[in-house]
Amino acid sequence: MIIMRNFRMNIFRHLVIFFGLCIVPDLASQDRLAVPNAPNTIARAGQSEIIINAENSIRDIAVWINGTIAAHVHPRSKEMIIVQNGHNVIEAADTTLARNGQWNIGTRRQVTVNSHSNCIIIGMTLRYGALLSLNVQSTTALTGNGSVTPAAVTDTAVARMAPTAPPAPPVSGGSIEHAVIRAAHELMDSLPDGSRLAVLSISSNDPYLSEFIIDELVFLIVNARRFTVVDRRNLDLIRAEANFQLSGDVDDNSAVALGRQLGASIVITGNVSGTGSTRRLRARALDVQTAVILAMASEQF
């Protein structure tokens, strides 16, 4: 009886493992743009290691090698990719997951490296979550078994560690940069693609803070590549004619009227309230034709 029970348990374990191996890749393919690279893989003869360092990123990073998707690196982590020696074109783009489950991919940035049996760490320059450029942080020779030379073993050993599960970007609080990013995506997720937008004003006691938030909202919306954003120069002309302050309060009627002058279909206004560590950024999008509020965001920072 005991032998039969053990036999059945072994059969059950093997079935669980078998179906687990079949199902997990499918789940991963739904959640990621590329299957995770095995962290324990090492470069063989004629190969090099490319370490994508996304430790300073608050977004997922998609990576292409010579035009083929090769990795999907989580924020605050690193991932290793094995490549053949020679000239390799590394491309990367910041990505965000939309509510419909599709990945929105930003502008691809590129760097070409000469891989020659070495470990190359690729870093990135970002501006409030958006990837601006790629750069080679370091290059270390590999020995024949895929390990680094003793002089650099400490630094590269850290780089080659299996990535840990990164913390998600804060859902509330944090810096003003995080608040603007969250507000921008909350608004964009609710607006129809192809809309012509104008970021009109952010009311606050600090005109420099207002200008900063407006500039960052425009930057994030433009880089989403889903909307047309009114040229800031046109907004400045209208502002001068109407004696309109970007950092002042704007009622709905004035916002709609300004939006029509600018040829926008949607206008975005907002304000900063509170003091100290309890400040909050509120923003909303108005339909220029109907004055209906299409989307709202309220983020603490």
Protein backbone atom coordinates (compact mmCIF):
# COMPACT_ATOMS: atom_id res chain seq x y z
CA MET A 1 0.00 0.00 0.00
CA ILE A 2 2.78 2.40 0.95
CA ILE A 3 4.67 1.55 -2.26
CA MET A 4 1.60 2.28 -4.41
CA ARG A 5 0.96 5.59 -2.57
CA ASN A 6 4.56 6.70 -3.17
CA PHE A 7 4.30 5.65 -6.80
CA ARG A 8 1.16 7.75 -7.28
CA MET A 9 2.78 10.73 -5.55
CA ASN A 10 5.82 10.50 -7.85
CA ILE A 11 3.59 10.38 -10.91
CA PHE A 12 1.69 13.44 -9.64
CA ARG A 13 4.92 15.39 -9.05
CA HIS A 14 6.18 14.62 -12.55
CA LEU A 15 2.88 15.74 -14.09
CA VAL A 16 2.98 19.01 -12.13
CA ILE A 17 6.54 19.69 -13.28
CA PHE A 18 5.69 18.81 -16.89
CA PHE A 19 2.62 21.07 -17.09
CA GLY A 20 4.47 23.80 -15.19
CA LEU A 21 7.22 23.82 -17.80
CA CYS A 22 4.64 24.02 -20.56
CA ILE A 23 2.58 26.80 -18.99
CA VAL A 24 5.23 29.11 -17.57
CA PRO A 25 6.78 30.12 -20.93
CA ASP A 26 3.31 31.04 -22.22
CA LEU A 27 2.68 33.22 -19.19
CA ALA A 28 6.07 34.88 -19.57
CA SER A 29 5.46 35.59 -23.23
CA GLN A 30 2.23 37.40 -22.33
CA ASP A 31 3.90 39.56 -19.69
CA ARG A 32 7.19 40.34 -21.43
CA LEU A 33 8.37 41.45 -24.84
CA ALA A 34 11.16 38.85 -24.66
CA VAL A 35 11.71 35.63 -22.73
CA PRO A 36 14.02 36.14 -19.72
CA ASN A 37 17.66 35.28 -20.37
CA ALA A 38 19.12 32.50 -18.24
CA PRO A 39 21.27 34.24 -15.57
CA ASN A 40 23.76 31.35 -15.30
CA THR A 41 24.59 31.19 -19.01
CA ILE A 42 28.20 32.08 -19.82
CA ALA A 43 29.91 33.14 -23.02
CA ARG A 44 31.71 30.39 -24.93
CA ALA A 45 34.50 30.62 -27.47
CA GLY A 46 33.73 33.34 -30.02
CA GLN A 47 31.09 34.93 -27.79
CA SER A 48 30.79 37.97 -25.52
CA GLU A 49 28.52 39.09 -22.71
CA ILE A 50 26.41 42.24 -22.91
CA ILE A 51 25.14 43.46 -19.53
CA ILE A 52 22.16 45.83 -19.79
CA ASN A 53 22.28 48.00 -16.69
CA ALA A 54 18.80 49.38 -15.96
CA GLU A 55 19.41 50.04 -12.27
CA ASN A 56 18.56 53.74 -12.67
CA SER A 57 15.40 53.14 -14.72
CA ILE A 58 11.88 53.40 -13.31
CA ARG A 59 10.43 51.73 -16.43
CA ASP A 60 10.83 48.43 -18.21
CA ILE A 61 13.51 48.48 -20.91
CA ALA A 62 13.20 46.57 -24.19
CA VAL A 63 16.50 45.61 -25.84
CA TRP A 64 17.27 44.67 -29.44
CA ILE A 65 20.52 43.12 -30.69
CA ASN A 66 21.13 43.71 -34.41
CA GLY A 67 17.45 44.41 -34.94
CA THR A 68 16.07 41.38 -33.04
CA ILE A 69 14.33 41.68 -29.68
CA ALA A 70 16.67 40.11 -27.13
CA ALA A 71 15.62 41.13 -23.64
CA HIS A 72 12.99 42.83 -21.53
CA VAL A 73 14.74 44.25 -18.47
CA HIS A 74 12.73 45.14 -15.39
CA PRO A 75 13.30 48.50 -13.66
CA ARG A 76 16.13 48.72 -11.13
CA SER A 77 17.81 45.55 -12.43
CA LYS A 78 20.39 44.18 -14.87
CA GLU A 79 20.27 41.44 -17.46
CA MET A 80 22.96 39.60 -19.39
CA ILE A 81 22.75 38.77 -23.12
CA ILE A 82 25.20 36.45 -24.91
CA VAL A 83 26.25 37.69 -28.38
CA GLN A 84 28.60 36.50 -31.10
CA ASN A 85 31.88 38.38 -31.37
CA GLY A 86 32.03 41.25 -33.85
CA HIS A 87 30.21 44.55 -34.29
CA ASN A 88 26.87 44.41 -32.48
CA VAL A 89 24.22 47.11 -32.64
CA ILE A 90 22.51 47.47 -29.25
CA GLU A 91 19.15 49.26 -29.24
CA ALA A 92 16.94 49.96 -26.24
CA ALA A 93 13.69 51.77 -25.51
CA ASP A 94 11.71 52.51 -22.37
CA THR A 95 8.35 50.76 -22.30
CA THR A 96 5.13 51.16 -20.34
CA LEU A 97 2.25 48.70 -20.05
CA ALA A 98 -1.07 50.15 -21.18
CA ARG A 99 -4.40 49.19 -19.67
CA ASN A 100 -5.23 47.04 -22.69
CA GLY A 101 -2.23 44.82 -21.93
CA GLN A 102 -0.13 46.14 -24.81
CA TRP A 103 3.36 47.57 -24.33
CA ASN A 104 3.90 51.18 -25.40
CA ILE A 105 7.46 51.44 -26.69
CA GLY A 106 9.37 54.73 -26.60
CA THR A 107 12.04 55.96 -28.98
CA ARG A 108 14.84 53.48 -29.63
CA ARG A 109 18.32 54.58 -28.61
CA GLN A 110 21.38 52.92 -30.13
CA VAL A 111 25.03 52.17 -29.45
CA THR A 112 27.39 49.97 -31.49
CA VAL A 113 29.97 47.88 -29.65
CA ASN A 114 32.93 45.80 -30.81
CA SER A 115 32.45 42.51 -29.01
CA HIS A 116 35.64 40.46 -28.79
CA SER A 117 35.40 37.82 -26.05
CA ASN A 118 34.67 40.43 -23.43
CA CYS A 119 32.00 41.58 -20.99
CA ILE A 120 30.50 44.94 -21.96
CA ILE A 121 28.26 46.80 -19.53
CA ILE A 122 25.77 49.11 -21.26
CA GLY A 123 24.42 51.96 -19.16
CA MET A 124 21.73 54.46 -19.97
CA THR A 125 20.96 58.12 -19.51
CA LEU A 126 17.36 58.84 -18.60
CA ARG A 127 15.29 61.94 -18.05
CA TYR A 128 12.26 61.45 -15.81
CA GLY A 129 11.81 57.88 -17.00
CA ALA A 130 12.43 58.46 -20.72
CA LEU A 131 15.56 56.89 -22.20
CA LEU A 132 17.79 59.51 -23.81
CA SER A 133 20.96 57.58 -24.73
CA LEU A 134 22.99 54.39 -24.27
CA ASN A 135 26.65 54.31 -23.27
CA VAL A 136 29.39 51.78 -22.63
CA GLN A 137 30.13 51.83 -18.90
CA SER A 138 32.97 49.30 -18.95
CA THR A 139 34.60 46.56 -21.03
CA THR A 140 36.35 43.60 -19.40
CA ALA A 141 38.18 40.74 -21.12
CA LEU A 142 36.83 37.22 -20.61
CA THR A 143 38.93 34.10 -20.19
CA GLY A 144 38.23 30.96 -22.17
CA ASN A 145 35.57 29.68 -19.77
CA GLY A 146 33.45 32.83 -19.90
CA SER A 147 34.73 34.34 -16.66
CA VAL A 148 36.32 37.74 -16.25
CA THR A 149 39.99 38.35 -15.63
CA PRO A 150 40.94 38.45 -11.91
CA ALA A 151 41.54 42.23 -11.94
CA ALA A 152 37.86 42.94 -12.55
CA VAL A 153 36.19 39.92 -10.99
CA THR A 154 34.51 41.86 -8.15
CA ASP A 155 32.72 44.48 -10.28
CA THR A 156 31.67 42.08 -13.02
CA ALA A 157 30.54 39.41 -10.59
CA VAL A 158 28.03 41.92 -9.27
CA ALA A 159 26.93 42.79 -12.80
CA ARG A 160 26.38 39.12 -13.65
CA MET A 161 24.22 38.33 -10.65
CA ALA A 162 20.73 37.09 -11.46
CA PRO A 163 18.37 40.08 -11.45
CA THR A 164 16.17 40.33 -8.39
CA ALA A 165 12.54 41.29 -8.51
CA PRO A 166 12.62 45.11 -8.75
CA PRO A 167 10.39 47.33 -6.65
CA ALA A 168 7.51 48.81 -8.61
CA PRO A 169 7.49 52.58 -9.11
CA PRO A 170 5.66 54.15 -6.16
CA VAL A 171 1.91 54.28 -6.65
CA SER A 172 1.78 57.38 -4.48
CA GLY A 173 4.15 59.84 -2.86
CA GLY A 174 7.76 60.14 -3.96
CA SER A 175 9.25 63.01 -5.93
CA ILE A 176 7.53 65.56 -8.13
CA GLU A 177 9.02 63.71 -11.12
CA HIS A 178 7.20 60.52 -10.12
CA ALA A 179 3.97 62.44 -9.56
CA VAL A 180 4.16 64.03 -13.02
CA ILE A 181 4.91 60.67 -14.67
CA ARG A 182 1.96 59.01 -12.95
CA ALA A 183 -0.36 61.91 -13.77
CA ALA A 184 0.73 61.96 -17.42
CA HIS A 185 0.05 58.26 -17.88
CA GLU A 186 -3.25 58.46 -16.03
CA LEU A 187 -4.40 61.18 -18.43
CA MET A 188 -2.99 59.57 -21.59
CA ASP A 189 -4.58 56.20 -20.83
CA SER A 190 -8.00 57.87 -20.88
CA LEU A 191 -7.61 60.00 -24.02
CA PRO A 192 -8.23 58.93 -27.62
CA ASP A 193 -5.13 58.38 -29.73
CA GLY A 194 -4.45 61.03 -32.35
CA SER A 195 -5.91 63.87 -30.28
CA ARG A 196 -4.38 67.34 -30.57
CA LEU A 197 -3.46 68.39 -27.03
CA ALA A 198 -2.46 71.67 -25.41
CA VAL A 199 -1.02 71.74 -21.88
CA LEU A 200 -2.31 75.15 -20.81
CA SER A 201 -1.55 75.79 -17.16
CA ILE A 202 -0.60 74.38 -13.79
CA SER A 203 -1.58 76.72 -10.99
CA SER A 204 0.82 76.95 -8.03
CA ASN A 205 2.52 79.41 -5.72
CA ASP A 206 5.83 78.74 -7.47
CA PRO A 207 5.94 79.78 -11.16
CA TYR A 208 9.14 77.78 -11.69
CA LEU A 209 7.45 74.62 -10.40
CA SER A 210 4.52 75.28 -12.72
CA GLU A 211 6.82 75.68 -15.72
CA PHE A 212 8.67 72.50 -14.76
CA ILE A 213 5.47 70.43 -14.53
CA ILE A 214 4.15 71.79 -17.83
CA ASP A 215 7.44 71.07 -19.61
CA GLU A 216 7.55 67.53 -18.22
CA LEU A 217 3.94 66.82 -19.14
CA VAL A 218 4.63 68.00 -22.69
CA PHE A 219 7.83 65.93 -22.82
CA LEU A 220 6.07 62.73 -21.67
CA ILE A 221 3.08 63.21 -23.96
CA VAL A 222 5.25 63.92 -27.00
CA ASN A 223 7.40 60.86 -26.32
CA ALA A 224 4.33 58.65 -26.05
CA ARG A 225 3.95 59.26 -29.81
CA ARG A 226 0.18 58.85 -29.61
CA PHE A 227 -0.88 62.51 -29.73
CA THR A 228 -0.15 65.81 -31.45
CA VAL A 229 0.98 68.45 -28.97
CA VAL A 230 0.51 72.17 -29.67
CA ASP A 231 3.81 73.96 -30.26
CA ARG A 232 4.90 75.87 -27.16
CA ARG A 233 5.63 78.95 -29.29
CA ASN A 234 1.99 79.13 -30.36
CA LEU A 235 0.94 78.84 -26.74
CA ASP A 236 3.31 81.66 -25.78
CA LEU A 237 1.80 83.93 -28.47
CA ILE A 238 -1.74 83.27 -27.27
CA ARG A 239 -0.62 83.73 -23.68
CA ALA A 240 0.90 87.15 -24.47
CA GLU A 241 -2.23 88.30 -26.32
CA ALA A 242 -4.60 87.17 -23.57
CA ASN A 243 -2.35 88.16 -20.68
CA PHE A 244 -2.57 84.54 -19.64
CA GLN A 245 -0.23 83.10 -17.00
CA LEU A 246 0.87 79.45 -17.19
CA SER A 247 1.08 79.35 -13.41
CA GLY A 248 -2.30 81.02 -12.79
CA ASP A 249 -5.82 79.68 -12.26
CA VAL A 250 -7.79 79.12 -15.45
CA ASP A 251 -11.54 78.49 -15.44
CA ASP A 252 -13.09 75.98 -17.81
CA ASN A 253 -14.55 78.59 -20.17
CA SER A 254 -11.20 80.34 -20.58
CA ALA A 255 -9.40 77.01 -21.07
CA VAL A 256 -11.84 75.94 -23.77
CA ALA A 257 -11.60 79.33 -25.53
CA LEU A 258 -7.79 79.20 -25.49
CA GLY A 259 -7.87 75.63 -26.76
CA ARG A 260 -9.99 76.67 -29.73
CA GLN A 261 -7.58 79.50 -30.55
CA LEU A 262 -4.74 76.99 -30.51
CA GLY A 263 -6.60 74.49 -32.69
CA ALA A 264 -6.50 71.85 -29.93
CA SER A 265 -9.20 69.26 -29.39
CA ILE A 266 -8.24 68.68 -25.74
CA VAL A 267 -6.70 71.05 -23.18
CA ILE A 268 -4.94 70.08 -19.96
CA THR A 269 -4.97 72.27 -16.86
CA GLY A 270 -4.15 71.63 -13.24
CA ASN A 271 -2.89 72.87 -9.92
CA VAL A 272 -0.52 72.09 -7.08
CA SER A 273 -1.98 72.21 -3.57
CA GLY A 274 -0.72 71.55 -0.06
CA THR A 275 2.63 72.17 1.57
CA GLY A 276 5.71 70.26 2.66
CA SER A 277 5.41 66.48 2.26
CA THR A 278 1.65 66.55 1.63
CA ARG A 279 1.60 68.37 -1.69
CA ARG A 280 -0.62 67.07 -4.46
CA LEU A 281 -0.61 67.55 -8.23
CA ARG A 282 -4.04 67.55 -9.84
CA ALA A 283 -4.56 67.65 -13.58
CA ARG A 284 -7.52 67.23 -15.89
CA ALA A 285 -8.23 67.06 -19.59
CA LEU A 286 -11.15 69.01 -21.10
CA ASP A 287 -12.85 68.42 -24.44
CA VAL A 288 -12.66 71.75 -26.28
CA GLN A 289 -15.97 71.24 -28.09
CA THR A 290 -18.10 70.14 -25.16
CA ALA A 291 -16.11 71.30 -22.07
CA VAL A 292 -16.62 67.78 -20.71
CA ILE A 293 -13.88 66.47 -18.41
CA LEU A 294 -12.38 63.49 -20.20
CA ALA A 295 -9.77 62.48 -17.64
CA MET A 296 -8.45 63.47 -14.23
CA ALA A 297 -5.33 62.65 -12.21
CA SER A 298 -4.47 63.40 -8.60
CA GLU A 299 -0.99 62.47 -7.38
CA GLN A 300 0.71 63.12 -4.05
CA PHE A 301 4.40 64.00 -3.83
